[in-house]
Amino acid sequence: MNAISMSLMKKSQPCDADLAASLGTSVTAMGALCEPGQTMVPLKPSATMLAAGARAGGVSVEVAWKIYQTMIHHVD
């Protein structure tokens, strides 16, 4: 299973307070998923993801991997 990376926005609020309370430390993660435009992505993309990115960008798989890493490490 791939590790999951996600960007947490400041002051994010959970979607469901009762559910968030039952999850304890997962509250921050749940809140980030409720913010418009936020999603979880794997830290390490699958070979299929890299191949698709390479085709879409007209670059090698190695360049697609570098682009992916740069994108997930430079989240606003």
N, C-alpha and C. Protein backbone atom coordinates (compact mmCIF):
# COMPACT_ATOMS: atom_id res chain seq x y z
N MET A 1 0.84 -1.18 0.00
CA MET A 1 0.00 0.00 0.00
C MET A 1 0.88 1.24 0.00
N ASN A 2 0.53 2.23 -0.80
CA ASN A 2 1.28 3.47 -0.85
C ASN A 2 1.04 4.31 0.38
N ALA A 3 2.07 5.03 0.80
CA ALA A 3 1.88 6.01 1.87
C ALA A 3 1.02 7.13 1.30
N ILE A 4 0.33 7.80 2.15
CA ILE A 4 -0.56 8.87 1.70
C ILE A 4 0.00 10.22 2.13
N SER A 5 -0.05 11.15 1.21
CA SER A 5 0.39 12.50 1.49
C SER A 5 -0.82 13.41 1.36
N MET A 6 -0.86 14.40 2.19
CA MET A 6 -1.95 15.37 2.05
C MET A 6 -1.53 16.72 2.58
N SER A 7 -2.11 17.73 2.04
CA SER A 7 -1.85 19.08 2.47
C SER A 7 -2.93 19.47 3.47
N LEU A 8 -2.51 19.96 4.63
CA LEU A 8 -3.48 20.36 5.64
C LEU A 8 -3.58 21.88 5.65
N MET A 9 -4.78 22.36 5.48
CA MET A 9 -4.99 23.80 5.47
C MET A 9 -5.11 24.31 6.90
N LYS A 10 -4.70 25.54 7.12
CA LYS A 10 -4.82 26.15 8.44
C LYS A 10 -6.29 26.25 8.82
N LYS A 11 -6.56 25.98 10.09
CA LYS A 11 -7.90 26.13 10.67
C LYS A 11 -8.96 25.32 9.92
N SER A 12 -8.61 24.15 9.41
CA SER A 12 -9.62 23.34 8.74
C SER A 12 -10.59 22.76 9.76
N GLN A 13 -11.82 22.60 9.37
CA GLN A 13 -12.87 22.11 10.25
C GLN A 13 -13.34 20.75 9.75
N PRO A 14 -13.59 19.80 10.65
CA PRO A 14 -14.09 18.50 10.22
C PRO A 14 -15.50 18.62 9.64
N CYS A 15 -15.84 17.71 8.75
CA CYS A 15 -17.17 17.72 8.13
C CYS A 15 -18.26 17.35 9.12
N ASP A 16 -17.97 16.40 9.97
CA ASP A 16 -18.96 15.90 10.92
C ASP A 16 -18.32 15.87 12.30
N ALA A 17 -18.74 16.75 13.19
CA ALA A 17 -18.12 16.88 14.51
C ALA A 17 -18.21 15.58 15.30
N ASP A 18 -19.34 14.86 15.24
CA ASP A 18 -19.49 13.61 15.98
C ASP A 18 -18.50 12.56 15.48
N LEU A 19 -18.40 12.43 14.18
CA LEU A 19 -17.47 11.47 13.60
C LEU A 19 -16.04 11.86 13.92
N ALA A 20 -15.71 13.13 13.78
CA ALA A 20 -14.37 13.62 14.06
C ALA A 20 -13.98 13.37 15.51
N ALA A 21 -14.93 13.58 16.43
CA ALA A 21 -14.65 13.36 17.85
C ALA A 21 -14.33 11.89 18.12
N SER A 22 -14.99 11.00 17.41
CA SER A 22 -14.75 9.57 17.62
C SER A 22 -13.43 9.13 17.01
N LEU A 23 -12.88 9.91 16.11
CA LEU A 23 -11.63 9.54 15.44
C LEU A 23 -10.39 10.12 16.10
N GLY A 24 -10.54 11.02 17.03
CA GLY A 24 -9.41 11.58 17.77
C GLY A 24 -8.41 12.31 16.89
N THR A 25 -7.21 11.75 16.74
CA THR A 25 -6.14 12.45 16.02
C THR A 25 -6.39 12.56 14.53
N SER A 26 -7.37 11.87 14.00
CA SER A 26 -7.66 11.96 12.58
C SER A 26 -8.47 13.20 12.23
N VAL A 27 -8.84 13.98 13.24
CA VAL A 27 -9.67 15.16 13.02
C VAL A 27 -9.03 16.11 12.02
N THR A 28 -7.75 16.39 12.17
CA THR A 28 -7.09 17.33 11.27
C THR A 28 -7.12 16.81 9.84
N ALA A 29 -6.86 15.54 9.66
CA ALA A 29 -6.89 14.96 8.32
C ALA A 29 -8.28 15.03 7.73
N MET A 30 -9.29 14.73 8.52
CA MET A 30 -10.67 14.81 8.04
C MET A 30 -11.02 16.23 7.63
N GLY A 31 -10.58 17.20 8.41
CA GLY A 31 -10.87 18.59 8.09
C GLY A 31 -10.27 19.00 6.76
N ALA A 32 -9.06 18.55 6.50
CA ALA A 32 -8.39 18.91 5.24
C ALA A 32 -9.16 18.33 4.06
N LEU A 33 -9.72 17.15 4.21
CA LEU A 33 -10.46 16.55 3.11
C LEU A 33 -11.77 17.26 2.84
N CYS A 34 -12.27 17.99 3.80
CA CYS A 34 -13.53 18.69 3.64
C CYS A 34 -13.36 20.04 2.96
N GLU A 35 -12.13 20.51 2.88
CA GLU A 35 -11.87 21.80 2.24
C GLU A 35 -11.96 21.63 0.72
N PRO A 36 -12.64 22.55 0.04
CA PRO A 36 -12.73 22.47 -1.41
C PRO A 36 -11.34 22.45 -2.05
N GLY A 37 -11.15 21.59 -3.01
CA GLY A 37 -9.90 21.54 -3.74
C GLY A 37 -8.80 20.70 -3.09
N GLN A 38 -9.07 20.09 -1.94
CA GLN A 38 -8.06 19.27 -1.26
C GLN A 38 -8.36 17.80 -1.49
N THR A 39 -7.30 17.01 -1.62
CA THR A 39 -7.43 15.57 -1.78
C THR A 39 -6.19 14.88 -1.25
N MET A 40 -6.27 13.59 -0.99
CA MET A 40 -5.10 12.83 -0.58
C MET A 40 -4.50 12.19 -1.83
N VAL A 41 -3.19 12.15 -1.87
CA VAL A 41 -2.50 11.50 -2.98
C VAL A 41 -1.39 10.62 -2.43
N PRO A 42 -1.03 9.57 -3.13
CA PRO A 42 0.06 8.72 -2.65
C PRO A 42 1.39 9.46 -2.73
N LEU A 43 2.27 9.24 -1.75
CA LEU A 43 3.61 9.81 -1.81
C LEU A 43 4.38 9.23 -2.98
N LYS A 44 4.14 7.96 -3.24
CA LYS A 44 4.82 7.29 -4.35
C LYS A 44 3.75 6.87 -5.37
N PRO A 45 3.74 7.50 -6.54
CA PRO A 45 2.73 7.16 -7.53
C PRO A 45 2.96 5.76 -8.09
N SER A 46 1.90 5.14 -8.56
CA SER A 46 2.02 3.82 -9.18
C SER A 46 2.70 3.96 -10.54
N ALA A 47 3.15 2.85 -11.08
CA ALA A 47 3.76 2.84 -12.41
C ALA A 47 2.76 3.34 -13.45
N THR A 48 1.50 2.98 -13.27
CA THR A 48 0.45 3.42 -14.19
C THR A 48 0.29 4.94 -14.15
N MET A 49 0.32 5.51 -12.94
CA MET A 49 0.21 6.96 -12.79
C MET A 49 1.38 7.66 -13.49
N LEU A 50 2.58 7.13 -13.25
CA LEU A 50 3.76 7.74 -13.86
C LEU A 50 3.72 7.64 -15.39
N ALA A 51 3.32 6.49 -15.89
CA ALA A 51 3.23 6.32 -17.35
C ALA A 51 2.21 7.28 -17.94
N ALA A 52 1.07 7.43 -17.29
CA ALA A 52 0.04 8.36 -17.77
C ALA A 52 0.54 9.80 -17.75
N GLY A 53 1.24 10.17 -16.67
CA GLY A 53 1.80 11.52 -16.59
C GLY A 53 2.84 11.77 -17.65
N ALA A 54 3.68 10.77 -17.91
CA ALA A 54 4.71 10.89 -18.94
C ALA A 54 4.08 11.08 -20.32
N ARG A 55 3.04 10.28 -20.61
CA ARG A 55 2.35 10.41 -21.91
C ARG A 55 1.69 11.78 -22.03
N ALA A 56 1.00 12.20 -20.98
CA ALA A 56 0.28 13.47 -21.02
C ALA A 56 1.23 14.65 -21.20
N GLY A 57 2.40 14.57 -20.58
CA GLY A 57 3.36 15.67 -20.66
C GLY A 57 4.38 15.54 -21.77
N GLY A 58 4.36 14.40 -22.47
CA GLY A 58 5.33 14.18 -23.54
C GLY A 58 6.76 14.13 -23.00
N VAL A 59 6.92 13.54 -21.80
CA VAL A 59 8.23 13.45 -21.16
C VAL A 59 8.49 12.00 -20.76
N SER A 60 9.71 11.72 -20.30
CA SER A 60 10.04 10.38 -19.84
C SER A 60 9.38 10.11 -18.49
N VAL A 61 9.31 8.84 -18.12
CA VAL A 61 8.77 8.45 -16.82
C VAL A 61 9.61 9.07 -15.71
N GLU A 62 10.92 9.14 -15.90
CA GLU A 62 11.80 9.73 -14.89
C GLU A 62 11.47 11.21 -14.67
N VAL A 63 11.22 11.93 -15.74
CA VAL A 63 10.86 13.35 -15.61
C VAL A 63 9.47 13.47 -14.97
N ALA A 64 8.55 12.60 -15.34
CA ALA A 64 7.21 12.62 -14.72
C ALA A 64 7.33 12.40 -13.21
N TRP A 65 8.21 11.50 -12.78
CA TRP A 65 8.43 11.22 -11.36
C TRP A 65 8.98 12.46 -10.66
N LYS A 66 9.94 13.15 -11.28
CA LYS A 66 10.50 14.37 -10.69
C LYS A 66 9.44 15.46 -10.58
N ILE A 67 8.62 15.58 -11.59
CA ILE A 67 7.53 16.57 -11.56
C ILE A 67 6.55 16.24 -10.43
N TYR A 68 6.18 14.99 -10.30
CA TYR A 68 5.25 14.56 -9.25
C TYR A 68 5.81 14.88 -7.87
N GLN A 69 7.07 14.50 -7.64
CA GLN A 69 7.70 14.78 -6.35
C GLN A 69 7.71 16.28 -6.05
N THR A 70 8.06 17.06 -7.04
CA THR A 70 8.11 18.51 -6.85
C THR A 70 6.73 19.06 -6.50
N MET A 71 5.71 18.57 -7.17
CA MET A 71 4.35 19.05 -6.91
C MET A 71 3.90 18.74 -5.50
N ILE A 72 4.14 17.52 -5.00
CA ILE A 72 3.63 17.19 -3.67
C ILE A 72 4.48 17.79 -2.56
N HIS A 73 5.71 18.17 -2.86
CA HIS A 73 6.57 18.77 -1.83
C HIS A 73 6.49 20.29 -1.82
N HIS A 74 5.78 20.88 -2.75
CA HIS A 74 5.66 22.34 -2.82
C HIS A 74 4.20 22.76 -2.79
N VAL A 75 3.47 22.19 -1.86
CA VAL A 75 2.04 22.51 -1.70
C VAL A 75 1.93 23.84 -0.96
N ASP A 76 1.01 24.68 -1.42
CA ASP A 76 0.79 25.99 -0.75
C ASP A 76 0.12 25.79 0.58
